Amino acid sequence: MAWKTLDEVELGGKVVLTRVDLNVPVEDGAVTDVTRITRIVPTVRDILAAGGKPELRARYVVARCAKRLGGGGWCAGSIR
């Protein structure tokens, strides 16, 4: 079975669990390199544009993720 891409799946109204590596360096409670966060933004935007609700499960990066995506209460609300 071949994996489907985001372009091949109907995402409207669906929660989309997206596996990403958000293991980022943290010093004194602050993220010191946002590269991995920045690189997931296009995928999250594509999911939102297709009507899906991305669900990310990570810690420490919630605020930066939401900020880079222009707010979006879904980000903080989906992270457990």
PDB file of N, CA and C in Angstrom:
ATOM      1  N   MET A   1       0.851  -1.182   0.000  1.00  0.00           N
ATOM      2  CA  MET A   1       0.000   0.000   0.000  1.00  0.00           C
ATOM      3  C   MET A   1       0.890   1.236   0.000  1.00  0.00           C
ATOM      4  N   ALA A   2       0.614   2.151  -0.890  1.00  0.00           N
ATOM      5  CA  ALA A   2       1.395   3.386  -0.987  1.00  0.00           C
ATOM      6  C   ALA A   2       0.817   4.447  -0.052  1.00  0.00           C
ATOM      7  N   TRP A   3       1.705   5.248   0.504  1.00  0.00           N
ATOM      8  CA  TRP A   3       1.270   6.365   1.347  1.00  0.00           C
ATOM      9  C   TRP A   3       0.679   7.456   0.475  1.00  0.00           C
ATOM     10  N   LYS A   4      -0.370   8.083   0.944  1.00  0.00           N
ATOM     11  CA  LYS A   4      -0.987   9.191   0.218  1.00  0.00           C
ATOM     12  C   LYS A   4      -0.399  10.507   0.705  1.00  0.00           C
ATOM     13  N   THR A   5      -0.373  11.491  -0.174  1.00  0.00           N
ATOM     14  CA  THR A   5       0.078  12.824   0.202  1.00  0.00           C
ATOM     15  C   THR A   5      -1.134  13.652   0.612  1.00  0.00           C
ATOM     16  N   LEU A   6      -0.877  14.825   1.187  1.00  0.00           N
ATOM     17  CA  LEU A   6      -1.978  15.707   1.589  1.00  0.00           C
ATOM     18  C   LEU A   6      -2.869  16.068   0.412  1.00  0.00           C
ATOM     19  N   ASP A   7      -2.300  16.159  -0.775  1.00  0.00           N
ATOM     20  CA  ASP A   7      -3.073  16.517  -1.965  1.00  0.00           C
ATOM     21  C   ASP A   7      -4.043  15.418  -2.388  1.00  0.00           C
ATOM     22  N   GLU A   8      -3.817  14.202  -1.918  1.00  0.00           N
ATOM     23  CA  GLU A   8      -4.631  13.056  -2.331  1.00  0.00           C
ATOM     24  C   GLU A   8      -5.721  12.675  -1.329  1.00  0.00           C
ATOM     25  N   VAL A   9      -5.813  13.414  -0.236  1.00  0.00           N
ATOM     26  CA  VAL A   9      -6.751  13.062   0.822  1.00  0.00           C
ATOM     27  C   VAL A   9      -7.719  14.223   1.057  1.00  0.00           C
ATOM     28  N   GLU A  10      -9.001  13.911   1.246  1.00  0.00           N
ATOM     29  CA  GLU A  10      -9.999  14.925   1.583  1.00  0.00           C
ATOM     30  C   GLU A  10      -9.899  15.221   3.076  1.00  0.00           C
ATOM     31  N   LEU A  11      -9.459  16.425   3.418  1.00  0.00           N
ATOM     32  CA  LEU A  11      -9.215  16.774   4.819  1.00  0.00           C
ATOM     33  C   LEU A  11     -10.333  17.591   5.447  1.00  0.00           C
ATOM     34  N   GLY A  12     -11.269  18.079   4.662  1.00  0.00           N
ATOM     35  CA  GLY A  12     -12.328  18.941   5.164  1.00  0.00           C
ATOM     36  C   GLY A  12     -13.053  18.360   6.359  1.00  0.00           C
ATOM     37  N   GLY A  13     -13.022  19.097   7.467  1.00  0.00           N
ATOM     38  CA  GLY A  13     -13.727  18.703   8.669  1.00  0.00           C
ATOM     39  C   GLY A  13     -13.069  17.589   9.468  1.00  0.00           C
ATOM     40  N   LYS A  14     -11.869  17.184   9.082  1.00  0.00           N
ATOM     41  CA  LYS A  14     -11.197  16.090   9.779  1.00  0.00           C
ATOM     42  C   LYS A  14     -10.060  16.604  10.657  1.00  0.00           C
ATOM     43  N   VAL A  15      -9.826  15.903  11.739  1.00  0.00           N
ATOM     44  CA  VAL A  15      -8.657  16.164  12.578  1.00  0.00           C
ATOM     45  C   VAL A  15      -7.496  15.397  11.954  1.00  0.00           C
ATOM     46  N   VAL A  16      -6.390  16.108  11.736  1.00  0.00           N
ATOM     47  CA  VAL A  16      -5.245  15.505  11.055  1.00  0.00           C
ATOM     48  C   VAL A  16      -4.075  15.419  12.033  1.00  0.00           C
ATOM     49  N   LEU A  17      -3.798  14.210  12.490  1.00  0.00           N
ATOM     50  CA  LEU A  17      -2.654  13.999  13.363  1.00  0.00           C
ATOM     51  C   LEU A  17      -1.413  13.973  12.481  1.00  0.00           C
ATOM     52  N   THR A  18      -0.512  14.909  12.719  1.00  0.00           N
ATOM     53  CA  THR A  18       0.668  15.066  11.884  1.00  0.00           C
ATOM     54  C   THR A  18       1.909  14.749  12.688  1.00  0.00           C
ATOM     55  N   ARG A  19       2.667  13.774  12.235  1.00  0.00           N
ATOM     56  CA  ARG A  19       3.875  13.373  12.944  1.00  0.00           C
ATOM     57  C   ARG A  19       5.009  14.305  12.529  1.00  0.00           C
ATOM     58  N   VAL A  20       5.515  15.043  13.488  1.00  0.00           N
ATOM     59  CA  VAL A  20       6.624  15.970  13.244  1.00  0.00           C
ATOM     60  C   VAL A  20       7.653  15.827  14.356  1.00  0.00           C
ATOM     61  N   ASP A  21       8.871  16.214  14.057  1.00  0.00           N
ATOM     62  CA  ASP A  21       9.931  16.191  15.061  1.00  0.00           C
ATOM     63  C   ASP A  21      10.071  17.593  15.624  1.00  0.00           C
ATOM     64  N   LEU A  22       9.606  17.773  16.835  1.00  0.00           N
ATOM     65  CA  LEU A  22       9.690  19.079  17.475  1.00  0.00           C
ATOM     66  C   LEU A  22      10.633  19.049  18.667  1.00  0.00           C
ATOM     67  N   ASN A  23      11.618  18.189  18.599  1.00  0.00           N
ATOM     68  CA  ASN A  23      12.620  18.112  19.642  1.00  0.00           C
ATOM     69  C   ASN A  23      13.589  19.282  19.421  1.00  0.00           C
ATOM     70  N   VAL A  24      13.353  20.366  20.117  1.00  0.00           N
ATOM     71  CA  VAL A  24      14.131  21.593  19.919  1.00  0.00           C
ATOM     72  C   VAL A  24      14.983  21.885  21.150  1.00  0.00           C
ATOM     73  N   PRO A  25      16.096  22.578  20.945  1.00  0.00           N
ATOM     74  CA  PRO A  25      16.933  22.932  22.093  1.00  0.00           C
ATOM     75  C   PRO A  25      16.266  23.998  22.960  1.00  0.00           C
ATOM     76  N   VAL A  26      16.337  23.790  24.263  1.00  0.00           N
ATOM     77  CA  VAL A  26      15.727  24.715  25.218  1.00  0.00           C
ATOM     78  C   VAL A  26      16.771  25.082  26.271  1.00  0.00           C
ATOM     79  N   GLU A  27      16.871  26.369  26.539  1.00  0.00           N
ATOM     80  CA  GLU A  27      17.739  26.857  27.617  1.00  0.00           C
ATOM     81  C   GLU A  27      16.922  27.772  28.512  1.00  0.00           C
ATOM     82  N   ASP A  28      16.958  27.509  29.793  1.00  0.00           N
ATOM     83  CA  ASP A  28      16.228  28.314  30.773  1.00  0.00           C
ATOM     84  C   ASP A  28      14.749  28.463  30.402  1.00  0.00           C
ATOM     85  N   GLY A  29      14.162  27.394  29.863  1.00  0.00           N
ATOM     86  CA  GLY A  29      12.745  27.401  29.522  1.00  0.00           C
ATOM     87  C   GLY A  29      12.398  28.067  28.209  1.00  0.00           C
ATOM     88  N   ALA A  30      13.409  28.532  27.460  1.00  0.00           N
ATOM     89  CA  ALA A  30      13.156  29.199  26.180  1.00  0.00           C
ATOM     90  C   ALA A  30      13.744  28.381  25.032  1.00  0.00           C
ATOM     91  N   VAL A  31      13.005  28.295  23.931  1.00  0.00           N
ATOM     92  CA  VAL A  31      13.489  27.605  22.738  1.00  0.00           C
ATOM     93  C   VAL A  31      14.592  28.448  22.126  1.00  0.00           C
ATOM     94  N   THR A  32      15.759  27.835  21.883  1.00  0.00           N
ATOM     95  CA  THR A  32      16.904  28.587  21.355  1.00  0.00           C
ATOM     96  C   THR A  32      17.082  28.448  19.848  1.00  0.00           C
ATOM     97  N   ASP A  33      16.413  27.498  19.217  1.00  0.00           N
ATOM     98  CA  ASP A  33      16.489  27.336  17.764  1.00  0.00           C
ATOM     99  C   ASP A  33      15.120  26.885  17.262  1.00  0.00           C
ATOM    100  N   VAL A  34      14.470  27.720  16.472  1.00  0.00           N
ATOM    101  CA  VAL A  34      13.109  27.445  16.014  1.00  0.00           C
ATOM    102  C   VAL A  34      13.056  26.807  14.628  1.00  0.00           C
ATOM    103  N   THR A  35      14.186  26.331  14.127  1.00  0.00           N
ATOM    104  CA  THR A  35      14.238  25.776  12.768  1.00  0.00           C
ATOM    105  C   THR A  35      13.208  24.678  12.548  1.00  0.00           C
ATOM    106  N   ARG A  36      13.122  23.721  13.436  1.00  0.00           N
ATOM    107  CA  ARG A  36      12.182  22.611  13.249  1.00  0.00           C
ATOM    108  C   ARG A  36      10.737  23.086  13.298  1.00  0.00           C
ATOM    109  N   ILE A  37      10.467  24.071  14.121  1.00  0.00           N
ATOM    110  CA  ILE A  37       9.119  24.635  14.205  1.00  0.00           C
ATOM    111  C   ILE A  37       8.786  25.339  12.895  1.00  0.00           C
ATOM    112  N   THR A  38       9.712  26.150  12.408  1.00  0.00           N
ATOM    113  CA  THR A  38       9.507  26.901  11.178  1.00  0.00           C
ATOM    114  C   THR A  38       9.245  25.977   9.991  1.00  0.00           C
ATOM    115  N   ARG A  39       9.916  24.839   9.954  1.00  0.00           N
ATOM    116  CA  ARG A  39       9.787  23.933   8.806  1.00  0.00           C
ATOM    117  C   ARG A  39       8.466  23.171   8.769  1.00  0.00           C
ATOM    118  N   ILE A  40       7.732  23.107   9.869  1.00  0.00           N
ATOM    119  CA  ILE A  40       6.431  22.431   9.825  1.00  0.00           C
ATOM    120  C   ILE A  40       5.300  23.377   9.432  1.00  0.00           C
ATOM    121  N   VAL A  41       5.565  24.676   9.476  1.00  0.00           N
ATOM    122  CA  VAL A  41       4.522  25.669   9.201  1.00  0.00           C
ATOM    123  C   VAL A  41       3.854  25.465   7.838  1.00  0.00           C
ATOM    124  N   PRO A  42       4.589  25.226   6.737  1.00  0.00           N
ATOM    125  CA  PRO A  42       3.900  25.031   5.455  1.00  0.00           C
ATOM    126  C   PRO A  42       2.931  23.844   5.461  1.00  0.00           C
ATOM    127  N   THR A  43       3.289  22.759   6.109  1.00  0.00           N
ATOM    128  CA  THR A  43       2.407  21.593   6.183  1.00  0.00           C
ATOM    129  C   THR A  43       1.149  21.920   6.978  1.00  0.00           C
ATOM    130  N   VAL A  44       1.314  22.596   8.090  1.00  0.00           N
ATOM    131  CA  VAL A  44       0.158  22.973   8.913  1.00  0.00           C
ATOM    132  C   VAL A  44      -0.747  23.922   8.135  1.00  0.00           C
ATOM    133  N   ARG A  45      -0.167  24.859   7.428  1.00  0.00           N
ATOM    134  CA  ARG A  45      -0.967  25.785   6.605  1.00  0.00           C
ATOM    135  C   ARG A  45      -1.737  25.034   5.522  1.00  0.00           C
ATOM    136  N   ASP A  46      -1.105  24.040   4.891  1.00  0.00           N
ATOM    137  CA  ASP A  46      -1.786  23.250   3.861  1.00  0.00           C
ATOM    138  C   ASP A  46      -2.977  22.495   4.446  1.00  0.00           C
ATOM    139  N   ILE A  47      -2.802  21.939   5.626  1.00  0.00           N
ATOM    140  CA  ILE A  47      -3.902  21.220   6.286  1.00  0.00           C
ATOM    141  C   ILE A  47      -5.052  22.181   6.576  1.00  0.00           C
ATOM    142  N   LEU A  48      -4.736  23.357   7.097  1.00  0.00           N
ATOM    143  CA  LEU A  48      -5.768  24.357   7.384  1.00  0.00           C
ATOM    144  C   LEU A  48      -6.470  24.807   6.105  1.00  0.00           C
ATOM    145  N   ALA A  49      -5.702  25.032   5.040  1.00  0.00           N
ATOM    146  CA  ALA A  49      -6.281  25.484   3.774  1.00  0.00           C
ATOM    147  C   ALA A  49      -7.221  24.440   3.180  1.00  0.00           C
ATOM    148  N   ALA A  50      -6.961  23.169   3.465  1.00  0.00           N
ATOM    149  CA  ALA A  50      -7.808  22.091   2.954  1.00  0.00           C
ATOM    150  C   ALA A  50      -9.009  21.821   3.860  1.00  0.00           C
ATOM    151  N   GLY A  51      -9.159  22.645   4.909  1.00  0.00           N
ATOM    152  CA  GLY A  51     -10.309  22.494   5.798  1.00  0.00           C
ATOM    153  C   GLY A  51     -10.102  21.512   6.936  1.00  0.00           C
ATOM    154  N   GLY A  52      -8.884  21.038   7.111  1.00  0.00           N
ATOM    155  CA  GLY A  52      -8.585  20.117   8.196  1.00  0.00           C
ATOM    156  C   GLY A  52      -8.179  20.850   9.458  1.00  0.00           C
ATOM    157  N   LYS A  53      -8.145  20.116  10.553  1.00  0.00           N
ATOM    158  CA  LYS A  53      -7.706  20.674  11.823  1.00  0.00           C
ATOM    159  C   LYS A  53      -6.452  19.911  12.255  1.00  0.00           C
ATOM    160  N   PRO A  54      -5.280  20.545  12.117  1.00  0.00           N
ATOM    161  CA  PRO A  54      -4.060  19.844  12.504  1.00  0.00           C
ATOM    162  C   PRO A  54      -3.999  19.633  14.008  1.00  0.00           C
ATOM    163  N   GLU A  55      -3.550  18.467  14.411  1.00  0.00           N
ATOM    164  CA  GLU A  55      -3.382  18.198  15.831  1.00  0.00           C
ATOM    165  C   GLU A  55      -1.922  17.848  16.076  1.00  0.00           C
ATOM    166  N   LEU A  56      -1.259  18.689  16.838  1.00  0.00           N
ATOM    167  CA  LEU A  56       0.147  18.488  17.170  1.00  0.00           C
ATOM    168  C   LEU A  56       0.245  18.182  18.653  1.00  0.00           C
ATOM    169  N   ARG A  57       1.025  17.202  18.999  1.00  0.00           N
ATOM    170  CA  ARG A  57       1.216  16.857  20.407  1.00  0.00           C
ATOM    171  C   ARG A  57       2.675  17.074  20.750  1.00  0.00           C
ATOM    172  N   ALA A  58       2.944  18.204  21.341  1.00  0.00           N
ATOM    173  CA  ALA A  58       4.318  18.559  21.695  1.00  0.00           C
ATOM    174  C   ALA A  58       4.281  19.547  22.847  1.00  0.00           C
ATOM    175  N   ARG A  59       5.417  19.709  23.484  1.00  0.00           N
ATOM    176  CA  ARG A  59       5.520  20.671  24.574  1.00  0.00           C
ATOM    177  C   ARG A  59       6.587  21.693  24.217  1.00  0.00           C
ATOM    178  N   TYR A  60       6.565  22.794  24.863  1.00  0.00           N
ATOM    179  CA  TYR A  60       7.537  23.882  24.724  1.00  0.00           C
ATOM    180  C   TYR A  60       7.380  24.715  23.457  1.00  0.00           C
ATOM    181  N   VAL A  61       6.771  24.179  22.429  1.00  0.00           N
ATOM    182  CA  VAL A  61       6.742  24.891  21.159  1.00  0.00           C
ATOM    183  C   VAL A  61       5.378  25.472  20.824  1.00  0.00           C
ATOM    184  N   VAL A  62       4.405  25.260  21.676  1.00  0.00           N
ATOM    185  CA  VAL A  62       3.041  25.671  21.366  1.00  0.00           C
ATOM    186  C   VAL A  62       2.934  27.159  21.070  1.00  0.00           C
ATOM    187  N   ALA A  63       3.485  27.993  21.916  1.00  0.00           N
ATOM    188  CA  ALA A  63       3.363  29.440  21.736  1.00  0.00           C
ATOM    189  C   ALA A  63       4.030  29.894  20.447  1.00  0.00           C
ATOM    190  N   ARG A  64       5.205  29.395  20.157  1.00  0.00           N
ATOM    191  CA  ARG A  64       5.908  29.793  18.928  1.00  0.00           C
ATOM    192  C   ARG A  64       5.167  29.313  17.688  1.00  0.00           C
ATOM    193  N   CYS A  65       4.643  28.109  17.742  1.00  0.00           N
ATOM    194  CA  CYS A  65       3.882  27.570  16.619  1.00  0.00           C
ATOM    195  C   CYS A  65       2.671  28.459  16.333  1.00  0.00           C
ATOM    196  N   ALA A  66       1.905  28.767  17.356  1.00  0.00           N
ATOM    197  CA  ALA A  66       0.721  29.606  17.190  1.00  0.00           C
ATOM    198  C   ALA A  66       1.097  30.992  16.690  1.00  0.00           C
ATOM    199  N   LYS A  67       2.180  31.551  17.215  1.00  0.00           N
ATOM    200  CA  LYS A  67       2.618  32.883  16.798  1.00  0.00           C
ATOM    201  C   LYS A  67       2.985  32.897  15.312  1.00  0.00           C
ATOM    202  N   ARG A  68       3.717  31.897  14.858  1.00  0.00           N
ATOM    203  CA  ARG A  68       4.147  31.856  13.461  1.00  0.00           C
ATOM    204  C   ARG A  68       2.978  31.608  12.514  1.00  0.00           C
ATOM    205  N   LEU A  69       1.902  31.022  13.016  1.00  0.00           N
ATOM    206  CA  LEU A  69       0.732  30.765  12.186  1.00  0.00           C
ATOM    207  C   LEU A  69      -0.348  31.828  12.381  1.00  0.00           C
ATOM    208  N   GLY A  70       0.013  32.947  13.007  1.00  0.00           N
ATOM    209  CA  GLY A  70      -0.919  34.056  13.157  1.00  0.00           C
ATOM    210  C   GLY A  70      -1.987  33.825  14.207  1.00  0.00           C
ATOM    211  N   GLY A  71      -1.620  33.217  15.315  1.00  0.00           N
ATOM    212  CA  GLY A  71      -2.591  32.970  16.383  1.00  0.00           C
ATOM    213  C   GLY A  71      -3.080  31.552  16.322  1.00  0.00           C
ATOM    214  N   GLY A  72      -4.306  31.365  15.951  1.00  0.00           N
ATOM    215  CA  GLY A  72      -4.847  30.023  15.786  1.00  0.00           C
ATOM    216  C   GLY A  72      -4.991  29.287  17.095  1.00  0.00           C
ATOM    217  N   GLY A  73      -6.105  29.452  17.768  1.00  0.00           N
ATOM    218  CA  GLY A  73      -6.335  28.779  19.035  1.00  0.00           C
ATOM    219  C   GLY A  73      -6.264  27.272  18.937  1.00  0.00           C
ATOM    220  N   TRP A  74      -6.398  26.726  17.719  1.00  0.00           N
ATOM    221  CA  TRP A  74      -6.314  25.279  17.532  1.00  0.00           C
ATOM    222  C   TRP A  74      -4.988  24.739  18.026  1.00  0.00           C
ATOM    223  N   CYS A  75      -3.926  25.517  17.867  1.00  0.00           N
ATOM    224  CA  CYS A  75      -2.584  25.027  18.204  1.00  0.00           C
ATOM    225  C   CYS A  75      -2.483  24.735  19.691  1.00  0.00           C
ATOM    226  N   ALA A  76      -2.757  25.705  20.519  1.00  0.00           N
ATOM    227  CA  ALA A  76      -2.663  25.498  21.963  1.00  0.00           C
ATOM    228  C   ALA A  76      -3.733  24.535  22.451  1.00  0.00           C
ATOM    229  N   GLY A  77      -4.927  24.600  21.848  1.00  0.00           N
ATOM    230  CA  GLY A  77      -6.021  23.754  22.290  1.00  0.00           C
ATOM    231  C   GLY A  77      -5.848  22.300  21.939  1.00  0.00           C
ATOM    232  N   SER A  78      -5.081  22.010  20.900  1.00  0.00           N
ATOM    233  CA  SER A  78      -4.909  20.629  20.464  1.00  0.00           C
ATOM    234  C   SER A  78      -3.760  19.934  21.164  1.00  0.00           C
ATOM    235  N   ILE A  79      -2.900  20.674  21.782  1.00  0.00           N
ATOM    236  CA  ILE A  79      -1.728  20.087  22.409  1.00  0.00           C
ATOM    237  C   ILE A  79      -2.082  19.637  23.820  1.00  0.00           C
ATOM    238  N   ARG A  80      -1.820  18.390  24.123  1.00  0.00           N
ATOM    239  CA  ARG A  80      -2.118  17.851  25.445  1.00  0.00           C
ATOM    240  C   ARG A  80      -0.870  17.393  26.103  1.00  0.00           C
TER     241      ARG A  80
END
